[in-house]
Amino acid sequence: MAKEKSAKKSAGAKKLSPYNKFMKTELAKVKTDNPTLNHKEAFKMAAQRWKDS
């Protein structure tokens, strides 16, 4: 007796959290202002801006 797999929920996109919305826009700003930064450093700067806001 094999178990049947339950039907998956629709694979629609989830809503972004306020943090994710902020990081999406802020990371783009940081990378534009500092094009020589690597992704890790740019992400740190954007995360710090979230913390300070």
PDB file of N, CA and C in Angstrom:
ATOM      1  N   MET A   1       0.841  -1.182   0.000  1.00  0.00           N
ATOM      2  CA  MET A   1       0.000   0.000   0.000  1.00  0.00           C
ATOM      3  C   MET A   1       0.889   1.250   0.000  1.00  0.00           C
ATOM      4  N   ALA A   2       0.886   1.937  -1.067  1.00  0.00           N
ATOM      5  CA  ALA A   2       1.667   3.156  -1.174  1.00  0.00           C
ATOM      6  C   ALA A   2       0.813   4.346  -0.774  1.00  0.00           C
ATOM      7  N   LYS A   3       1.449   5.265  -0.063  1.00  0.00           N
ATOM      8  CA  LYS A   3       0.733   6.483   0.317  1.00  0.00           C
ATOM      9  C   LYS A   3       0.668   7.417  -0.883  1.00  0.00           C
ATOM     10  N   GLU A   4      -0.445   8.067  -1.024  1.00  0.00           N
ATOM     11  CA  GLU A   4      -0.582   9.042  -2.095  1.00  0.00           C
ATOM     12  C   GLU A   4      -0.034  10.373  -1.610  1.00  0.00           C
ATOM     13  N   LYS A   5       0.644  11.048  -2.492  1.00  0.00           N
ATOM     14  CA  LYS A   5       1.160  12.361  -2.140  1.00  0.00           C
ATOM     15  C   LYS A   5       0.009  13.351  -2.134  1.00  0.00           C
ATOM     16  N   SER A   6       0.013  14.216  -1.148  1.00  0.00           N
ATOM     17  CA  SER A   6      -1.039  15.226  -1.104  1.00  0.00           C
ATOM     18  C   SER A   6      -0.778  16.270  -2.181  1.00  0.00           C
ATOM     19  N   ALA A   7      -1.827  16.847  -2.642  1.00  0.00           N
ATOM     20  CA  ALA A   7      -1.704  17.857  -3.691  1.00  0.00           C
ATOM     21  C   ALA A   7      -0.973  19.072  -3.134  1.00  0.00           C
ATOM     22  N   LYS A   8      -0.008  19.548  -3.885  1.00  0.00           N
ATOM     23  CA  LYS A   8       0.734  20.723  -3.452  1.00  0.00           C
ATOM     24  C   LYS A   8      -0.126  21.965  -3.642  1.00  0.00           C
ATOM     25  N   LYS A   9       0.107  22.927  -2.770  1.00  0.00           N
ATOM     26  CA  LYS A   9      -0.586  24.203  -2.928  1.00  0.00           C
ATOM     27  C   LYS A   9      -0.046  24.880  -4.173  1.00  0.00           C
ATOM     28  N   SER A  10      -0.802  25.803  -4.687  1.00  0.00           N
ATOM     29  CA  SER A  10      -0.355  26.491  -5.895  1.00  0.00           C
ATOM     30  C   SER A  10       1.013  27.122  -5.644  1.00  0.00           C
ATOM     31  N   ALA A  11       1.832  27.081  -6.620  1.00  0.00           N
ATOM     32  CA  ALA A  11       3.203  27.545  -6.482  1.00  0.00           C
ATOM     33  C   ALA A  11       3.314  29.044  -6.739  1.00  0.00           C
ATOM     34  N   GLY A  12       2.335  29.807  -6.309  1.00  0.00           N
ATOM     35  CA  GLY A  12       2.369  31.246  -6.494  1.00  0.00           C
ATOM     36  C   GLY A  12       3.429  31.890  -5.620  1.00  0.00           C
ATOM     37  N   ALA A  13       3.820  33.085  -5.968  1.00  0.00           N
ATOM     38  CA  ALA A  13       4.835  33.802  -5.216  1.00  0.00           C
ATOM     39  C   ALA A  13       4.269  34.261  -3.877  1.00  0.00           C
ATOM     40  N   LYS A  14       5.088  34.140  -2.858  1.00  0.00           N
ATOM     41  CA  LYS A  14       4.679  34.606  -1.536  1.00  0.00           C
ATOM     42  C   LYS A  14       4.881  36.116  -1.465  1.00  0.00           C
ATOM     43  N   LYS A  15       4.137  36.760  -0.589  1.00  0.00           N
ATOM     44  CA  LYS A  15       4.320  38.189  -0.387  1.00  0.00           C
ATOM     45  C   LYS A  15       5.637  38.407   0.347  1.00  0.00           C
ATOM     46  N   LEU A  16       6.328  39.471  -0.030  1.00  0.00           N
ATOM     47  CA  LEU A  16       7.579  39.792   0.634  1.00  0.00           C
ATOM     48  C   LEU A  16       7.302  40.429   1.986  1.00  0.00           C
ATOM     49  N   SER A  17       8.135  40.100   2.950  1.00  0.00           N
ATOM     50  CA  SER A  17       8.022  40.715   4.265  1.00  0.00           C
ATOM     51  C   SER A  17       8.547  42.149   4.163  1.00  0.00           C
ATOM     52  N   PRO A  18       8.228  42.995   5.133  1.00  0.00           N
ATOM     53  CA  PRO A  18       8.765  44.361   5.103  1.00  0.00           C
ATOM     54  C   PRO A  18      10.298  44.382   5.035  1.00  0.00           C
ATOM     55  N   TYR A  19      10.940  43.458   5.750  1.00  0.00           N
ATOM     56  CA  TYR A  19      12.405  43.373   5.714  1.00  0.00           C
ATOM     57  C   TYR A  19      12.888  43.041   4.302  1.00  0.00           C
ATOM     58  N   ASN A  20      12.257  42.067   3.674  1.00  0.00           N
ATOM     59  CA  ASN A  20      12.673  41.669   2.326  1.00  0.00           C
ATOM     60  C   ASN A  20      12.454  42.785   1.313  1.00  0.00           C
ATOM     61  N   LYS A  21      11.351  43.523   1.451  1.00  0.00           N
ATOM     62  CA  LYS A  21      11.102  44.657   0.559  1.00  0.00           C
ATOM     63  C   LYS A  21      12.193  45.711   0.735  1.00  0.00           C
ATOM     64  N   PHE A  22      12.512  46.014   2.000  1.00  0.00           N
ATOM     65  CA  PHE A  22      13.540  47.002   2.304  1.00  0.00           C
ATOM     66  C   PHE A  22      14.882  46.569   1.725  1.00  0.00           C
ATOM     67  N   MET A  23      15.250  45.312   1.980  1.00  0.00           N
ATOM     68  CA  MET A  23      16.554  44.824   1.532  1.00  0.00           C
ATOM     69  C   MET A  23      16.661  44.816   0.011  1.00  0.00           C
ATOM     70  N   LYS A  24      15.588  44.502  -0.658  1.00  0.00           N
ATOM     71  CA  LYS A  24      15.602  44.472  -2.122  1.00  0.00           C
ATOM     72  C   LYS A  24      15.943  45.851  -2.684  1.00  0.00           C
ATOM     73  N   THR A  25      15.283  46.877  -2.169  1.00  0.00           N
ATOM     74  CA  THR A  25      15.533  48.226  -2.675  1.00  0.00           C
ATOM     75  C   THR A  25      16.842  48.795  -2.135  1.00  0.00           C
ATOM     76  N   GLU A  26      17.113  48.554  -0.865  1.00  0.00           N
ATOM     77  CA  GLU A  26      18.302  49.128  -0.238  1.00  0.00           C
ATOM     78  C   GLU A  26      19.580  48.511  -0.802  1.00  0.00           C
ATOM     79  N   LEU A  27      19.569  47.221  -1.051  1.00  0.00           N
ATOM     80  CA  LEU A  27      20.744  46.558  -1.611  1.00  0.00           C
ATOM     81  C   LEU A  27      21.069  47.132  -2.990  1.00  0.00           C
ATOM     82  N   ALA A  28      20.054  47.407  -3.765  1.00  0.00           N
ATOM     83  CA  ALA A  28      20.267  48.016  -5.081  1.00  0.00           C
ATOM     84  C   ALA A  28      20.892  49.403  -4.932  1.00  0.00           C
ATOM     85  N   LYS A  29      20.412  50.187  -3.955  1.00  0.00           N
ATOM     86  CA  LYS A  29      20.969  51.524  -3.718  1.00  0.00           C
ATOM     87  C   LYS A  29      22.431  51.437  -3.299  1.00  0.00           C
ATOM     88  N   VAL A  30      22.733  50.529  -2.368  1.00  0.00           N
ATOM     89  CA  VAL A  30      24.105  50.383  -1.875  1.00  0.00           C
ATOM     90  C   VAL A  30      25.034  49.987  -3.017  1.00  0.00           C
ATOM     91  N   LYS A  31      24.599  49.053  -3.851  1.00  0.00           N
ATOM     92  CA  LYS A  31      25.440  48.608  -4.963  1.00  0.00           C
ATOM     93  C   LYS A  31      25.638  49.716  -5.997  1.00  0.00           C
ATOM     94  N   THR A  32      24.627  50.559  -6.178  1.00  0.00           N
ATOM     95  CA  THR A  32      24.749  51.678  -7.112  1.00  0.00           C
ATOM     96  C   THR A  32      25.725  52.716  -6.572  1.00  0.00           C
ATOM     97  N   ASP A  33      25.616  53.001  -5.271  1.00  0.00           N
ATOM     98  CA  ASP A  33      26.485  53.994  -4.645  1.00  0.00           C
ATOM     99  C   ASP A  33      27.916  53.496  -4.472  1.00  0.00           C
ATOM    100  N   ASN A  34      28.094  52.188  -4.329  1.00  0.00           N
ATOM    101  CA  ASN A  34      29.410  51.598  -4.077  1.00  0.00           C
ATOM    102  C   ASN A  34      29.631  50.405  -5.011  1.00  0.00           C
ATOM    103  N   PRO A  35      29.878  50.658  -6.280  1.00  0.00           N
ATOM    104  CA  PRO A  35      29.965  49.554  -7.245  1.00  0.00           C
ATOM    105  C   PRO A  35      31.139  48.600  -7.013  1.00  0.00           C
ATOM    106  N   THR A  36      32.142  49.019  -6.247  1.00  0.00           N
ATOM    107  CA  THR A  36      33.301  48.149  -6.019  1.00  0.00           C
ATOM    108  C   THR A  36      33.101  47.172  -4.867  1.00  0.00           C
ATOM    109  N   LEU A  37      32.046  47.355  -4.077  1.00  0.00           N
ATOM    110  CA  LEU A  37      31.789  46.444  -2.958  1.00  0.00           C
ATOM    111  C   LEU A  37      31.341  45.081  -3.467  1.00  0.00           C
ATOM    112  N   ASN A  38      31.796  44.033  -2.778  1.00  0.00           N
ATOM    113  CA  ASN A  38      31.276  42.713  -3.121  1.00  0.00           C
ATOM    114  C   ASN A  38      29.895  42.562  -2.490  1.00  0.00           C
ATOM    115  N   HIS A  39      29.187  41.516  -2.865  1.00  0.00           N
ATOM    116  CA  HIS A  39      27.802  41.343  -2.418  1.00  0.00           C
ATOM    117  C   HIS A  39      27.704  41.246  -0.896  1.00  0.00           C
ATOM    118  N   LYS A  40      28.620  40.523  -0.284  1.00  0.00           N
ATOM    119  CA  LYS A  40      28.580  40.321   1.168  1.00  0.00           C
ATOM    120  C   LYS A  40      28.675  41.653   1.911  1.00  0.00           C
ATOM    121  N   GLU A  41      29.601  42.503   1.509  1.00  0.00           N
ATOM    122  CA  GLU A  41      29.773  43.798   2.167  1.00  0.00           C
ATOM    123  C   GLU A  41      28.582  44.716   1.903  1.00  0.00           C
ATOM    124  N   ALA A  42      28.055  44.692   0.693  1.00  0.00           N
ATOM    125  CA  ALA A  42      26.888  45.512   0.364  1.00  0.00           C
ATOM    126  C   ALA A  42      25.688  45.067   1.193  1.00  0.00           C
ATOM    127  N   PHE A  43      25.536  43.761   1.357  1.00  0.00           N
ATOM    128  CA  PHE A  43      24.431  43.223   2.153  1.00  0.00           C
ATOM    129  C   PHE A  43      24.576  43.643   3.612  1.00  0.00           C
ATOM    130  N   LYS A  44      25.797  43.632   4.132  1.00  0.00           N
ATOM    131  CA  LYS A  44      26.038  44.070   5.514  1.00  0.00           C
ATOM    132  C   LYS A  44      25.624  45.530   5.695  1.00  0.00           C
ATOM    133  N   MET A  45      25.981  46.367   4.729  1.00  0.00           N
ATOM    134  CA  MET A  45      25.626  47.784   4.816  1.00  0.00           C
ATOM    135  C   MET A  45      24.114  47.970   4.784  1.00  0.00           C
ATOM    136  N   ALA A  46      23.441  47.270   3.903  1.00  0.00           N
ATOM    137  CA  ALA A  46      21.986  47.379   3.802  1.00  0.00           C
ATOM    138  C   ALA A  46      21.326  46.876   5.081  1.00  0.00           C
ATOM    139  N   ALA A  47      21.830  45.788   5.640  1.00  0.00           N
ATOM    140  CA  ALA A  47      21.275  45.247   6.882  1.00  0.00           C
ATOM    141  C   ALA A  47      21.477  46.219   8.037  1.00  0.00           C
ATOM    142  N   GLN A  48      22.613  46.891   8.063  1.00  0.00           N
ATOM    143  CA  GLN A  48      22.867  47.880   9.113  1.00  0.00           C
ATOM    144  C   GLN A  48      21.895  49.052   8.982  1.00  0.00           C
ATOM    145  N   ARG A  49      21.585  49.439   7.766  1.00  0.00           N
ATOM    146  CA  ARG A  49      20.612  50.523   7.552  1.00  0.00           C
ATOM    147  C   ARG A  49      19.230  50.112   8.055  1.00  0.00           C
ATOM    148  N   TRP A  50      18.873  48.828   7.886  1.00  0.00           N
ATOM    149  CA  TRP A  50      17.599  48.321   8.412  1.00  0.00           C
ATOM    150  C   TRP A  50      17.613  48.424   9.933  1.00  0.00           C
ATOM    151  N   LYS A  51      18.712  48.030  10.531  1.00  0.00           N
ATOM    152  CA  LYS A  51      18.835  48.038  11.992  1.00  0.00           C
ATOM    153  C   LYS A  51      18.741  49.467  12.531  1.00  0.00           C
ATOM    154  N   ASP A  52      19.340  50.413  11.822  1.00  0.00           N
ATOM    155  CA  ASP A  52      19.354  51.808  12.266  1.00  0.00           C
ATOM    156  C   ASP A  52      18.041  52.536  12.001  1.00  0.00           C
ATOM    157  N   SER A  53      17.212  51.994  11.120  1.00  0.00           N
ATOM    158  CA  SER A  53      15.966  52.697  10.783  1.00  0.00           C
ATOM    159  C   SER A  53      14.873  52.438  11.788  1.00  0.00           C
TER     160      SER A  53
END
